[in-house]
Amino acid sequence: MASMTRTVGRQDRSELILDPSEAWRRGRLLDAMLAGLRAPRPHGVTRATHREMNRADDARQLEMARRLNGPR
């Protein structure tokens, strides 16, 4: 059976980090950069229906996406 290569997008895939410690370090750096985008959660205990909790999660994710994408 012949091997098949699938190329998606235009990025050079040779940039993949093969060293686990370097990948971990760069991942931690990205996590630190994105930490400021998180919308704050309300403190304390929240009691609500499943639908209301999902709606609150969706609103938080939307706010995070707006912060990430910036003004239009």
PDB file of N, CA and C in Angstrom:
ATOM      1  N   MET A   1       0.853  -1.177   0.000  1.00  0.00           N
ATOM      2  CA  MET A   1       0.000   0.000   0.000  1.00  0.00           C
ATOM      3  C   MET A   1       0.896   1.237   0.000  1.00  0.00           C
ATOM      4  N   ALA A   2       0.640   2.136  -0.887  1.00  0.00           N
ATOM      5  CA  ALA A   2       1.441   3.352  -0.999  1.00  0.00           C
ATOM      6  C   ALA A   2       1.057   4.326   0.107  1.00  0.00           C
ATOM      7  N   SER A   3       2.040   5.071   0.582  1.00  0.00           N
ATOM      8  CA  SER A   3       1.739   6.065   1.613  1.00  0.00           C
ATOM      9  C   SER A   3       1.145   7.306   0.961  1.00  0.00           C
ATOM     10  N   MET A   4       0.294   7.970   1.696  1.00  0.00           N
ATOM     11  CA  MET A   4      -0.370   9.141   1.166  1.00  0.00           C
ATOM     12  C   MET A   4      -0.098  10.312   2.104  1.00  0.00           C
ATOM     13  N   THR A   5       0.197  11.467   1.549  1.00  0.00           N
ATOM     14  CA  THR A   5       0.430  12.670   2.332  1.00  0.00           C
ATOM     15  C   THR A   5      -0.705  13.639   2.077  1.00  0.00           C
ATOM     16  N   ARG A   6      -1.247  14.163   3.144  1.00  0.00           N
ATOM     17  CA  ARG A   6      -2.331  15.131   3.024  1.00  0.00           C
ATOM     18  C   ARG A   6      -1.819  16.472   3.535  1.00  0.00           C
ATOM     19  N   THR A   7      -1.833  17.466   2.689  1.00  0.00           N
ATOM     20  CA  THR A   7      -1.382  18.798   3.060  1.00  0.00           C
ATOM     21  C   THR A   7      -2.587  19.718   3.150  1.00  0.00           C
ATOM     22  N   VAL A   8      -2.737  20.370   4.295  1.00  0.00           N
ATOM     23  CA  VAL A   8      -3.853  21.279   4.514  1.00  0.00           C
ATOM     24  C   VAL A   8      -3.281  22.634   4.899  1.00  0.00           C
ATOM     25  N   GLY A   9      -3.716  23.666   4.239  1.00  0.00           N
ATOM     26  CA  GLY A   9      -3.240  25.009   4.557  1.00  0.00           C
ATOM     27  C   GLY A   9      -1.917  25.317   3.886  1.00  0.00           C
ATOM     28  N   ARG A  10      -1.370  26.478   4.246  1.00  0.00           N
ATOM     29  CA  ARG A  10      -0.151  26.941   3.606  1.00  0.00           C
ATOM     30  C   ARG A  10       1.041  26.972   4.548  1.00  0.00           C
ATOM     31  N   GLN A  11       0.849  26.627   5.793  1.00  0.00           N
ATOM     32  CA  GLN A  11       1.946  26.700   6.749  1.00  0.00           C
ATOM     33  C   GLN A  11       2.938  25.569   6.524  1.00  0.00           C
ATOM     34  N   ASP A  12       4.192  25.869   6.820  1.00  0.00           N
ATOM     35  CA  ASP A  12       5.242  24.870   6.724  1.00  0.00           C
ATOM     36  C   ASP A  12       5.154  23.969   7.949  1.00  0.00           C
ATOM     37  N   ARG A  13       4.823  22.739   7.764  1.00  0.00           N
ATOM     38  CA  ARG A  13       4.650  21.821   8.888  1.00  0.00           C
ATOM     39  C   ARG A  13       5.972  21.325   9.455  1.00  0.00           C
ATOM     40  N   SER A  14       7.091  21.710   8.859  1.00  0.00           N
ATOM     41  CA  SER A  14       8.377  21.311   9.422  1.00  0.00           C
ATOM     42  C   SER A  14       8.681  22.115  10.682  1.00  0.00           C
ATOM     43  N   GLU A  15       7.817  23.087  11.023  1.00  0.00           N
ATOM     44  CA  GLU A  15       8.004  23.882  12.219  1.00  0.00           C
ATOM     45  C   GLU A  15       7.527  23.168  13.477  1.00  0.00           C
ATOM     46  N   LEU A  16       6.992  21.969  13.350  1.00  0.00           N
ATOM     47  CA  LEU A  16       6.525  21.237  14.516  1.00  0.00           C
ATOM     48  C   LEU A  16       7.676  21.011  15.483  1.00  0.00           C
ATOM     49  N   ILE A  17       7.394  21.190  16.755  1.00  0.00           N
ATOM     50  CA  ILE A  17       8.417  21.028  17.779  1.00  0.00           C
ATOM     51  C   ILE A  17       8.440  19.565  18.198  1.00  0.00           C
ATOM     52  N   LEU A  18       9.558  18.916  17.994  1.00  0.00           N
ATOM     53  CA  LEU A  18       9.669  17.499  18.319  1.00  0.00           C
ATOM     54  C   LEU A  18      10.238  17.271  19.714  1.00  0.00           C
ATOM     55  N   ASP A  19      10.880  18.278  20.295  1.00  0.00           N
ATOM     56  CA  ASP A  19      11.444  18.152  21.636  1.00  0.00           C
ATOM     57  C   ASP A  19      10.330  18.393  22.658  1.00  0.00           C
ATOM     58  N   PRO A  20       9.989  17.397  23.485  1.00  0.00           N
ATOM     59  CA  PRO A  20       8.877  17.551  24.424  1.00  0.00           C
ATOM     60  C   PRO A  20       9.070  18.699  25.417  1.00  0.00           C
ATOM     61  N   SER A  21      10.277  18.903  25.900  1.00  0.00           N
ATOM     62  CA  SER A  21      10.484  19.973  26.878  1.00  0.00           C
ATOM     63  C   SER A  21      10.321  21.348  26.234  1.00  0.00           C
ATOM     64  N   GLU A  22      10.749  21.495  24.985  1.00  0.00           N
ATOM     65  CA  GLU A  22      10.576  22.763  24.275  1.00  0.00           C
ATOM     66  C   GLU A  22       9.098  22.996  23.962  1.00  0.00           C
ATOM     67  N   ALA A  23       8.390  21.947  23.570  1.00  0.00           N
ATOM     68  CA  ALA A  23       6.957  22.074  23.302  1.00  0.00           C
ATOM     69  C   ALA A  23       6.211  22.464  24.577  1.00  0.00           C
ATOM     70  N   TRP A  24       6.590  21.867  25.705  1.00  0.00           N
ATOM     71  CA  TRP A  24       5.956  22.186  26.983  1.00  0.00           C
ATOM     72  C   TRP A  24       6.205  23.648  27.348  1.00  0.00           C
ATOM     73  N   ARG A  25       7.449  24.116  27.174  1.00  0.00           N
ATOM     74  CA  ARG A  25       7.801  25.495  27.506  1.00  0.00           C
ATOM     75  C   ARG A  25       7.003  26.476  26.643  1.00  0.00           C
ATOM     76  N   ARG A  26       6.909  26.205  25.355  1.00  0.00           N
ATOM     77  CA  ARG A  26       6.171  27.103  24.460  1.00  0.00           C
ATOM     78  C   ARG A  26       4.669  27.058  24.738  1.00  0.00           C
ATOM     79  N   GLY A  27       4.172  25.889  25.109  1.00  0.00           N
ATOM     80  CA  GLY A  27       2.764  25.776  25.484  1.00  0.00           C
ATOM     81  C   GLY A  27       2.445  26.588  26.726  1.00  0.00           C
ATOM     82  N   ARG A  28       3.338  26.539  27.716  1.00  0.00           N
ATOM     83  CA  ARG A  28       3.153  27.333  28.935  1.00  0.00           C
ATOM     84  C   ARG A  28       3.180  28.831  28.615  1.00  0.00           C
ATOM     85  N   LEU A  29       4.037  29.225  27.688  1.00  0.00           N
ATOM     86  CA  LEU A  29       4.120  30.626  27.278  1.00  0.00           C
ATOM     87  C   LEU A  29       2.808  31.073  26.622  1.00  0.00           C
ATOM     88  N   LEU A  30       2.259  30.225  25.752  1.00  0.00           N
ATOM     89  CA  LEU A  30       0.974  30.552  25.121  1.00  0.00           C
ATOM     90  C   LEU A  30      -0.156  30.606  26.147  1.00  0.00           C
ATOM     91  N   ASP A  31      -0.141  29.675  27.107  1.00  0.00           N
ATOM     92  CA  ASP A  31      -1.155  29.697  28.162  1.00  0.00           C
ATOM     93  C   ASP A  31      -1.097  31.003  28.946  1.00  0.00           C
ATOM     94  N   ALA A  32       0.118  31.471  29.230  1.00  0.00           N
ATOM     95  CA  ALA A  32       0.271  32.725  29.972  1.00  0.00           C
ATOM     96  C   ALA A  32      -0.246  33.904  29.154  1.00  0.00           C
ATOM     97  N   MET A  33      -0.023  33.872  27.841  1.00  0.00           N
ATOM     98  CA  MET A  33      -0.493  34.958  26.985  1.00  0.00           C
ATOM     99  C   MET A  33      -2.025  34.994  26.932  1.00  0.00           C
ATOM    100  N   LEU A  34      -2.653  33.829  26.921  1.00  0.00           N
ATOM    101  CA  LEU A  34      -4.105  33.764  26.799  1.00  0.00           C
ATOM    102  C   LEU A  34      -4.822  33.917  28.137  1.00  0.00           C
ATOM    103  N   ALA A  35      -4.090  33.841  29.248  1.00  0.00           N
ATOM    104  CA  ALA A  35      -4.724  33.918  30.566  1.00  0.00           C
ATOM    105  C   ALA A  35      -5.434  35.252  30.773  1.00  0.00           C
ATOM    106  N   GLY A  36      -4.905  36.318  30.203  1.00  0.00           N
ATOM    107  CA  GLY A  36      -5.526  37.626  30.357  1.00  0.00           C
ATOM    108  C   GLY A  36      -6.831  37.776  29.602  1.00  0.00           C
ATOM    109  N   LEU A  37      -7.134  36.847  28.727  1.00  0.00           N
ATOM    110  CA  LEU A  37      -8.362  36.928  27.930  1.00  0.00           C
ATOM    111  C   LEU A  37      -9.568  36.342  28.642  1.00  0.00           C
ATOM    112  N   ARG A  38      -9.329  35.567  29.662  1.00  0.00           N
ATOM    113  CA  ARG A  38     -10.439  34.885  30.326  1.00  0.00           C
ATOM    114  C   ARG A  38     -11.386  35.881  30.976  1.00  0.00           C
ATOM    115  N   ALA A  39     -12.649  35.682  30.729  1.00  0.00           N
ATOM    116  CA  ALA A  39     -13.663  36.498  31.395  1.00  0.00           C
ATOM    117  C   ALA A  39     -13.800  35.988  32.825  1.00  0.00           C
ATOM    118  N   PRO A  40     -13.896  36.877  33.793  1.00  0.00           N
ATOM    119  CA  PRO A  40     -13.951  36.428  35.188  1.00  0.00           C
ATOM    120  C   PRO A  40     -15.243  35.675  35.489  1.00  0.00           C
ATOM    121  N   ARG A  41     -15.106  34.648  36.306  1.00  0.00           N
ATOM    122  CA  ARG A  41     -16.277  33.906  36.769  1.00  0.00           C
ATOM    123  C   ARG A  41     -16.796  34.570  38.034  1.00  0.00           C
ATOM    124  N   PRO A  42     -18.086  34.526  38.245  1.00  0.00           N
ATOM    125  CA  PRO A  42     -18.614  35.087  39.495  1.00  0.00           C
ATOM    126  C   PRO A  42     -18.158  34.243  40.686  1.00  0.00           C
ATOM    127  N   HIS A  43     -17.888  34.901  41.801  1.00  0.00           N
ATOM    128  CA  HIS A  43     -17.441  34.193  42.998  1.00  0.00           C
ATOM    129  C   HIS A  43     -18.629  33.562  43.708  1.00  0.00           C
ATOM    130  N   GLY A  44     -18.332  32.557  44.493  1.00  0.00           N
ATOM    131  CA  GLY A  44     -19.366  31.911  45.285  1.00  0.00           C
ATOM    132  C   GLY A  44     -20.036  30.772  44.538  1.00  0.00           C
ATOM    133  N   VAL A  45     -21.124  30.324  45.095  1.00  0.00           N
ATOM    134  CA  VAL A  45     -21.868  29.200  44.539  1.00  0.00           C
ATOM    135  C   VAL A  45     -23.023  29.738  43.702  1.00  0.00           C
ATOM    136  N   THR A  46     -23.167  29.194  42.526  1.00  0.00           N
ATOM    137  CA  THR A  46     -24.261  29.601  41.644  1.00  0.00           C
ATOM    138  C   THR A  46     -25.210  28.428  41.467  1.00  0.00           C
ATOM    139  N   ARG A  47     -26.471  28.673  41.722  1.00  0.00           N
ATOM    140  CA  ARG A  47     -27.480  27.642  41.505  1.00  0.00           C
ATOM    141  C   ARG A  47     -28.363  28.097  40.361  1.00  0.00           C
ATOM    142  N   ALA A  48     -28.464  27.245  39.362  1.00  0.00           N
ATOM    143  CA  ALA A  48     -29.285  27.573  38.197  1.00  0.00           C
ATOM    144  C   ALA A  48     -29.597  26.288  37.450  1.00  0.00           C
ATOM    145  N   THR A  49     -30.498  26.397  36.501  1.00  0.00           N
ATOM    146  CA  THR A  49     -30.816  25.239  35.673  1.00  0.00           C
ATOM    147  C   THR A  49     -29.646  24.968  34.728  1.00  0.00           C
ATOM    148  N   HIS A  50     -29.649  23.785  34.163  1.00  0.00           N
ATOM    149  CA  HIS A  50     -28.601  23.408  33.216  1.00  0.00           C
ATOM    150  C   HIS A  50     -28.592  24.370  32.031  1.00  0.00           C
ATOM    151  N   ARG A  51     -29.758  24.738  31.564  1.00  0.00           N
ATOM    152  CA  ARG A  51     -29.874  25.663  30.437  1.00  0.00           C
ATOM    153  C   ARG A  51     -29.257  27.025  30.776  1.00  0.00           C
ATOM    154  N   GLU A  52     -29.518  27.532  31.973  1.00  0.00           N
ATOM    155  CA  GLU A  52     -28.958  28.822  32.391  1.00  0.00           C
ATOM    156  C   GLU A  52     -27.437  28.747  32.530  1.00  0.00           C
ATOM    157  N   MET A  53     -26.931  27.637  33.057  1.00  0.00           N
ATOM    158  CA  MET A  53     -25.477  27.478  33.192  1.00  0.00           C
ATOM    159  C   MET A  53     -24.826  27.423  31.811  1.00  0.00           C
ATOM    160  N   ASN A  54     -25.451  26.724  30.871  1.00  0.00           N
ATOM    161  CA  ASN A  54     -24.921  26.675  29.505  1.00  0.00           C
ATOM    162  C   ASN A  54     -24.942  28.059  28.863  1.00  0.00           C
ATOM    163  N   ARG A  55     -26.007  28.823  29.114  1.00  0.00           N
ATOM    164  CA  ARG A  55     -26.083  30.172  28.557  1.00  0.00           C
ATOM    165  C   ARG A  55     -24.979  31.063  29.140  1.00  0.00           C
ATOM    166  N   ALA A  56     -24.706  30.931  30.426  1.00  0.00           N
ATOM    167  CA  ALA A  56     -23.630  31.711  31.049  1.00  0.00           C
ATOM    168  C   ALA A  56     -22.271  31.308  30.479  1.00  0.00           C
ATOM    169  N   ASP A  57     -22.063  30.004  30.273  1.00  0.00           N
ATOM    170  CA  ASP A  57     -20.809  29.536  29.669  1.00  0.00           C
ATOM    171  C   ASP A  57     -20.649  30.079  28.253  1.00  0.00           C
ATOM    172  N   ASP A  58     -21.730  30.060  27.481  1.00  0.00           N
ATOM    173  CA  ASP A  58     -21.677  30.584  26.110  1.00  0.00           C
ATOM    174  C   ASP A  58     -21.340  32.074  26.104  1.00  0.00           C
ATOM    175  N   ALA A  59     -21.923  32.823  27.027  1.00  0.00           N
ATOM    176  CA  ALA A  59     -21.648  34.260  27.097  1.00  0.00           C
ATOM    177  C   ALA A  59     -20.186  34.506  27.459  1.00  0.00           C
ATOM    178  N   ARG A  60     -19.643  33.706  28.386  1.00  0.00           N
ATOM    179  CA  ARG A  60     -18.234  33.851  28.767  1.00  0.00           C
ATOM    180  C   ARG A  60     -17.317  33.518  27.601  1.00  0.00           C
ATOM    181  N   GLN A  61     -17.630  32.466  26.863  1.00  0.00           N
ATOM    182  CA  GLN A  61     -16.814  32.091  25.704  1.00  0.00           C
ATOM    183  C   GLN A  61     -16.884  33.154  24.617  1.00  0.00           C
ATOM    184  N   LEU A  62     -18.050  33.743  24.425  1.00  0.00           N
ATOM    185  CA  LEU A  62     -18.202  34.804  23.433  1.00  0.00           C
ATOM    186  C   LEU A  62     -17.375  36.031  23.825  1.00  0.00           C
ATOM    187  N   GLU A  63     -17.387  36.381  25.106  1.00  0.00           N
ATOM    188  CA  GLU A  63     -16.590  37.511  25.583  1.00  0.00           C
ATOM    189  C   GLU A  63     -15.099  37.239  25.387  1.00  0.00           C
ATOM    190  N   MET A  64     -14.679  36.015  25.636  1.00  0.00           N
ATOM    191  CA  MET A  64     -13.276  35.653  25.443  1.00  0.00           C
ATOM    192  C   MET A  64     -12.896  35.744  23.963  1.00  0.00           C
ATOM    193  N   ALA A  65     -13.767  35.307  23.072  1.00  0.00           N
ATOM    194  CA  ALA A  65     -13.497  35.390  21.636  1.00  0.00           C
ATOM    195  C   ALA A  65     -13.416  36.845  21.185  1.00  0.00           C
ATOM    196  N   ARG A  66     -14.278  37.693  21.740  1.00  0.00           N
ATOM    197  CA  ARG A  66     -14.224  39.118  21.391  1.00  0.00           C
ATOM    198  C   ARG A  66     -12.909  39.743  21.837  1.00  0.00           C
ATOM    199  N   ARG A  67     -12.451  39.370  23.024  1.00  0.00           N
ATOM    200  CA  ARG A  67     -11.169  39.897  23.502  1.00  0.00           C
ATOM    201  C   ARG A  67     -10.019  39.402  22.646  1.00  0.00           C
ATOM    202  N   LEU A  68     -10.091  38.159  22.221  1.00  0.00           N
ATOM    203  CA  LEU A  68      -9.027  37.570  21.411  1.00  0.00           C
ATOM    204  C   LEU A  68      -8.980  38.193  20.019  1.00  0.00           C
ATOM    205  N   ASN A  69     -10.138  38.406  19.406  1.00  0.00           N
ATOM    206  CA  ASN A  69     -10.198  38.921  18.040  1.00  0.00           C
ATOM    207  C   ASN A  69     -10.047  40.431  17.958  1.00  0.00           C
ATOM    208  N   GLY A  70     -10.301  41.133  19.031  1.00  0.00           N
ATOM    209  CA  GLY A  70     -10.131  42.583  19.042  1.00  0.00           C
ATOM    210  C   GLY A  70     -11.263  43.305  18.343  1.00  0.00           C
ATOM    211  N   PRO A  71     -11.193  44.635  18.333  1.00  0.00           N
ATOM    212  CA  PRO A  71     -12.266  45.423  17.705  1.00  0.00           C
ATOM    213  C   PRO A  71     -12.234  45.298  16.190  1.00  0.00           C
ATOM    214  N   ARG A  72     -13.392  45.442  15.587  1.00  0.00           N
ATOM    215  CA  ARG A  72     -13.477  45.345  14.120  1.00  0.00           C
ATOM    216  C   ARG A  72     -13.498  46.681  13.493  1.00  0.00           C
TER     217      ARG A  72
END
